């Protein structure tokens, strides 16, 4: 029987709010079994860029990552956000280790090809070093990944944190019974965006198509759901979306996705 592994992705809105982050990290630290955390930090990066007089360019919610912006997000994702999380988890008796995709060659990617839009130094993932992650987990370490990968030729790449979480879960699924959690400020996928409690509790492939055609799933939720089904189609056991209460089992109000 495989050991259980939880891969948890935390949204940027939680990272910015010190109280919300503390609540989340307390719940994460109490999560039983092996676990890996993935985080972004986009809004913090935008704030630092503004302070330094560097314009942040976004298209359809995605950051255009030029050479200056790579430096900013490396400072914020790999430095400030990552090490704050690691330090706070140590205080909660979770022996965390902060990583970017370059560390231990853990996540290798290629620069996204230019089509209609040149996203700059943005990475699309090629491989996850599951052997390294297994060794870290076996040493009772909890990996904490920021949203950076590398290309194997010395270049760091800005990489979507939802995608990193999905690809890590897929990479570990052959060795562990893996559950992927997308933890954000909403209670799950909502039928009515104005009603916080209108959570769709279960989504399968058929329900997903219905929600798409009815326009319930749109905008920022589309790529997230794509990552969910991509993970499930590649041996991940279960995917859940919701707020922090789904981690400590205080609520049944979250979305579970299965094929």
Protein backbone atom coordinates (compact mmCIF):
# COMPACT_ATOMS: atom_id res chain seq x y z
CA UNK A 1 0.00 0.00 0.00
CA UNK A 2 1.34 3.42 -0.97
CA UNK A 3 2.03 6.13 1.61
CA UNK A 4 -0.26 9.14 1.38
CA UNK A 5 1.10 12.47 0.15
CA UNK A 6 -0.62 15.86 0.17
CA UNK A 7 0.50 18.51 -2.35
CA UNK A 8 -0.94 21.87 -1.31
CA UNK A 9 -0.91 25.06 -3.37
CA UNK A 10 -1.54 28.30 -1.48
CA UNK A 11 -2.96 31.38 -3.20
CA UNK A 12 -1.22 34.76 -3.25
CA UNK A 13 -4.02 36.54 -1.39
CA UNK A 14 -3.35 34.33 1.63
CA UNK A 15 0.42 35.03 1.56
CA UNK A 16 -0.12 38.79 1.72
CA UNK A 17 -2.39 38.64 4.76
CA UNK A 18 -0.24 37.82 7.82
CA UNK A 19 -3.17 36.58 9.90
CA UNK A 20 -4.60 34.43 7.07
CA UNK A 21 -1.11 33.04 6.37
CA UNK A 22 -0.64 32.09 10.03
CA UNK A 23 -4.02 30.31 10.08
CA UNK A 24 -3.13 28.47 6.88
CA UNK A 25 0.36 27.43 8.05
CA UNK A 26 -1.08 26.16 11.36
CA UNK A 27 -3.54 23.98 9.42
CA UNK A 28 -0.81 22.86 6.99
CA UNK A 29 1.55 21.95 9.84
CA UNK A 30 -1.17 19.76 11.41
CA UNK A 31 -1.91 17.98 8.13
CA UNK A 32 -1.14 14.31 8.73
CA UNK A 33 1.38 12.39 6.67
CA UNK A 34 3.84 13.51 4.01
CA UNK A 35 3.27 16.91 2.41
CA UNK A 36 4.66 19.44 -0.07
CA UNK A 37 3.67 23.11 -0.28
CA UNK A 38 3.71 25.29 -3.42
CA UNK A 39 3.29 29.08 -3.30
CA UNK A 40 3.44 32.12 -5.56
CA UNK A 41 3.67 35.73 -4.42
CA UNK A 42 2.64 37.78 -7.46
CA UNK A 43 1.12 40.73 -5.60
CA UNK A 44 4.17 41.06 -3.34
CA UNK A 45 6.35 41.06 -6.48
CA UNK A 46 4.19 43.81 -8.02
CA UNK A 47 4.52 45.90 -4.83
CA UNK A 48 8.32 45.58 -4.82
CA UNK A 49 8.52 46.38 -8.54
CA UNK A 50 6.49 49.56 -7.95
CA UNK A 51 8.81 50.60 -5.09
CA UNK A 52 11.79 50.11 -7.42
CA UNK A 53 10.11 52.05 -10.23
CA UNK A 54 9.73 49.00 -12.49
CA UNK A 55 6.45 48.65 -14.36
CA UNK A 56 4.62 45.32 -14.01
CA UNK A 57 3.08 44.26 -17.32
CA UNK A 58 0.12 41.86 -17.20
CA UNK A 59 -1.89 40.35 -20.07
CA UNK A 60 -5.06 38.38 -19.18
CA UNK A 61 -3.82 38.12 -15.60
CA UNK A 62 -0.46 36.66 -16.65
CA UNK A 63 2.79 38.46 -15.89
CA UNK A 64 5.12 39.43 -18.74
CA UNK A 65 8.53 38.48 -17.36
CA UNK A 66 11.42 40.50 -18.77
CA UNK A 67 14.98 40.33 -17.37
CA UNK A 68 14.29 42.95 -14.65
CA UNK A 69 11.11 41.15 -13.61
CA UNK A 70 12.94 37.80 -13.27
CA UNK A 71 15.21 39.49 -10.73
CA UNK A 72 12.21 40.89 -8.83
CA UNK A 73 10.29 37.62 -8.67
CA UNK A 74 13.43 35.70 -7.67
CA UNK A 75 13.88 38.12 -4.75
CA UNK A 76 10.24 37.82 -3.72
CA UNK A 77 9.29 34.22 -4.55
CA UNK A 78 12.60 32.52 -3.81
CA UNK A 79 13.61 34.90 -1.02
CA UNK A 80 11.12 36.92 1.00
CA UNK A 81 7.93 34.84 0.58
CA UNK A 82 9.63 31.44 0.66
CA UNK A 83 11.85 32.04 3.68
CA UNK A 84 9.07 33.67 5.71
CA UNK A 85 6.92 30.59 5.15
CA UNK A 86 9.81 28.24 5.99
CA UNK A 87 10.65 30.13 9.20
CA UNK A 88 7.01 30.19 10.33
CA UNK A 89 6.65 26.45 9.68
CA UNK A 90 9.77 25.77 11.78
CA UNK A 91 8.00 27.60 14.62
CA UNK A 92 5.07 25.19 14.14
CA UNK A 93 7.30 22.08 14.40
CA UNK A 94 7.30 21.38 10.66
CA UNK A 95 10.86 20.86 9.40
CA UNK A 96 10.47 22.75 6.12
CA UNK A 97 13.05 23.25 3.37
CA UNK A 98 12.59 26.10 0.86
CA UNK A 99 13.22 25.33 -2.79
CA UNK A 100 13.04 26.78 -6.27
CA UNK A 101 12.98 24.49 -9.29
CA UNK A 102 16.72 25.08 -9.73
CA UNK A 103 17.56 23.61 -6.31
CA UNK A 104 18.55 19.99 -6.72
CA UNK A 105 17.43 20.25 -10.36
CA UNK A 106 13.94 19.68 -8.94
CA UNK A 107 11.84 21.31 -11.70
CA UNK A 108 13.23 21.79 -15.18
CA UNK A 109 11.31 23.74 -17.83
CA UNK A 110 11.71 25.45 -21.20
CA UNK A 111 11.03 29.07 -22.06
CA UNK A 112 7.51 29.39 -23.42
CA UNK A 113 7.59 29.76 -27.24
CA UNK A 114 6.42 33.10 -28.61
CA UNK A 115 3.03 32.84 -30.34
CA UNK A 116 0.67 35.84 -30.24
CA UNK A 117 2.27 37.09 -27.02
CA UNK A 118 5.90 37.06 -25.85
CA UNK A 119 5.65 36.24 -22.14
CA UNK A 120 9.41 36.57 -21.73
CA UNK A 121 11.15 34.37 -19.16
CA UNK A 122 8.13 32.17 -18.41
CA UNK A 123 8.61 28.43 -18.07
CA UNK A 124 6.55 25.46 -19.25
CA UNK A 125 7.50 22.41 -17.21
CA UNK A 126 9.39 19.47 -18.74
CA UNK A 127 10.29 17.35 -15.70
CA UNK A 128 9.97 17.01 -11.92
CA UNK A 129 12.80 15.31 -10.01
CA UNK A 130 10.62 12.91 -8.03
CA UNK A 131 13.68 10.97 -6.80
CA UNK A 132 15.02 14.05 -5.01
CA UNK A 133 11.61 14.84 -3.49
CA UNK A 134 11.27 11.25 -2.26
CA UNK A 135 14.67 11.53 -0.54
CA UNK A 136 13.66 14.80 1.14
CA UNK A 137 10.34 13.35 2.32
CA UNK A 138 12.14 10.23 3.58
CA UNK A 139 14.42 12.50 5.63
CA UNK A 140 11.30 13.98 7.34
CA UNK A 141 11.69 17.25 5.46
CA UNK A 142 8.71 19.17 4.04
CA UNK A 143 9.59 20.80 0.68
CA UNK A 144 8.27 24.34 0.18
CA UNK A 145 8.36 25.33 -3.50
CA UNK A 146 8.18 28.84 -4.89
CA UNK A 147 6.94 29.55 -8.43
CA UNK A 148 10.35 29.35 -10.14
CA UNK A 149 11.75 26.67 -12.43
CA UNK A 150 14.98 26.62 -14.49
CA UNK A 151 16.00 25.66 -18.01
CA UNK A 152 19.14 23.63 -17.24
CA UNK A 153 21.29 26.30 -18.91
CA UNK A 154 21.42 28.80 -16.05
CA UNK A 155 18.16 30.69 -16.61
CA UNK A 156 15.47 30.94 -13.94
CA UNK A 157 11.91 30.96 -15.27
CA UNK A 158 8.70 32.38 -13.80
CA UNK A 159 6.32 29.40 -13.67
CA UNK A 160 2.64 29.22 -12.76
CA UNK A 161 2.30 27.92 -9.17
CA UNK A 162 -0.92 26.01 -9.94
CA UNK A 163 0.93 24.18 -12.73
CA UNK A 164 3.94 23.45 -10.50
CA UNK A 165 1.62 21.93 -7.88
CA UNK A 166 -0.14 19.81 -10.51
CA UNK A 167 3.13 18.59 -12.08
CA UNK A 168 4.66 17.77 -8.67
CA UNK A 169 1.53 15.78 -7.75
CA UNK A 170 1.75 13.92 -11.08
CA UNK A 171 5.47 13.28 -10.62
CA UNK A 172 4.90 11.74 -7.18
CA UNK A 173 1.73 9.78 -8.02
CA UNK A 174 3.54 6.58 -9.03
CA UNK A 175 5.15 6.33 -5.57
CA UNK A 176 2.46 7.82 -3.31
CA UNK A 177 -1.31 8.00 -3.03
CA UNK A 178 -1.39 11.69 -3.88
CA UNK A 179 -4.04 14.30 -3.14
CA UNK A 180 -3.70 17.78 -4.66
CA UNK A 181 -5.21 20.70 -2.72
CA UNK A 182 -5.74 24.15 -4.25
CA UNK A 183 -6.18 26.36 -1.20
CA UNK A 184 -7.43 29.90 -1.86
CA UNK A 185 -9.81 32.50 -0.40
CA UNK A 186 -13.05 30.98 -1.77
CA UNK A 187 -14.77 27.92 -0.31
CA UNK A 188 -14.58 26.11 -3.65
CA UNK A 189 -16.03 26.38 -7.14
CA UNK A 190 -19.13 28.58 -6.74
CA UNK A 191 -22.41 28.28 -8.66
CA UNK A 192 -23.06 31.95 -7.88
CA UNK A 193 -20.02 34.21 -7.47
CA UNK A 194 -22.09 36.50 -5.21
CA UNK A 195 -22.97 33.64 -2.82
CA UNK A 196 -19.92 32.41 -0.87
CA UNK A 197 -21.75 29.25 0.20
CA UNK A 198 -22.98 28.14 -3.26
CA UNK A 199 -20.18 25.58 -3.49
CA UNK A 200 -20.30 22.84 -6.11
CA UNK A 201 -19.25 19.95 -3.86
CA UNK A 202 -18.45 17.37 -6.54
CA UNK A 203 -17.27 17.86 -10.11
CA UNK A 204 -16.59 15.08 -12.60
CA UNK A 205 -15.89 15.29 -16.34
CA UNK A 206 -19.60 15.56 -17.23
CA UNK A 207 -20.36 18.18 -14.57
CA UNK A 208 -17.29 20.12 -15.71
CA UNK A 209 -18.60 20.33 -19.29
CA UNK A 210 -22.01 21.48 -18.02
CA UNK A 211 -20.46 24.18 -15.82
CA UNK A 212 -18.31 25.32 -18.75
CA UNK A 213 -21.25 25.60 -21.16
CA UNK A 214 -23.32 27.46 -18.52
CA UNK A 215 -20.46 29.94 -17.99
CA UNK A 216 -20.16 29.01 -14.29
CA UNK A 217 -16.47 28.17 -14.75
CA UNK A 218 -14.72 31.07 -16.47
CA UNK A 219 -11.74 33.44 -16.34
CA UNK A 220 -9.19 32.59 -13.63
CA UNK A 221 -10.94 29.34 -12.68
CA UNK A 222 -10.46 27.86 -16.18
CA UNK A 223 -6.68 27.22 -15.99
CA UNK A 224 -7.06 25.99 -12.39
CA UNK A 225 -9.66 23.39 -13.44
CA UNK A 226 -7.52 22.43 -16.44
CA UNK A 227 -4.67 21.66 -14.01
CA UNK A 228 -7.07 19.64 -11.82
CA UNK A 229 -8.19 17.35 -14.63
CA UNK A 230 -4.66 17.12 -16.04
CA UNK A 231 -3.53 15.81 -12.63
CA UNK A 232 -6.40 13.31 -12.37
CA UNK A 233 -5.71 12.03 -15.90
CA UNK A 234 -2.13 11.36 -14.80
CA UNK A 235 -2.71 9.13 -11.75
CA UNK A 236 -3.28 11.74 -9.01
CA UNK A 237 -5.88 10.21 -6.66
CA UNK A 238 -7.97 13.24 -5.77
CA UNK A 239 -8.07 17.03 -6.22
CA UNK A 240 -9.77 19.42 -3.79
CA UNK A 241 -10.40 23.18 -4.04
CA UNK A 242 -11.41 25.39 -1.14
CA UNK A 243 -10.30 27.62 1.71
CA UNK A 244 -8.08 26.68 4.65
CA UNK A 245 -10.87 24.88 6.51
CA UNK A 246 -10.71 21.94 4.07
CA UNK A 247 -7.21 21.11 5.37
CA UNK A 248 -8.20 20.73 9.01
CA UNK A 249 -11.43 18.90 8.14
CA UNK A 250 -13.51 21.57 9.90
CA UNK A 251 -15.88 21.80 6.95
CA UNK A 252 -17.51 19.69 4.28
CA UNK A 253 -17.89 22.83 2.17
CA UNK A 254 -15.24 22.48 -0.52
CA UNK A 255 -15.06 21.13 -4.06
CA UNK A 256 -13.78 17.60 -4.74
CA UNK A 257 -12.87 16.78 -8.35
CA UNK A 258 -12.77 13.25 -9.74
CA UNK A 259 -12.83 11.81 -13.24
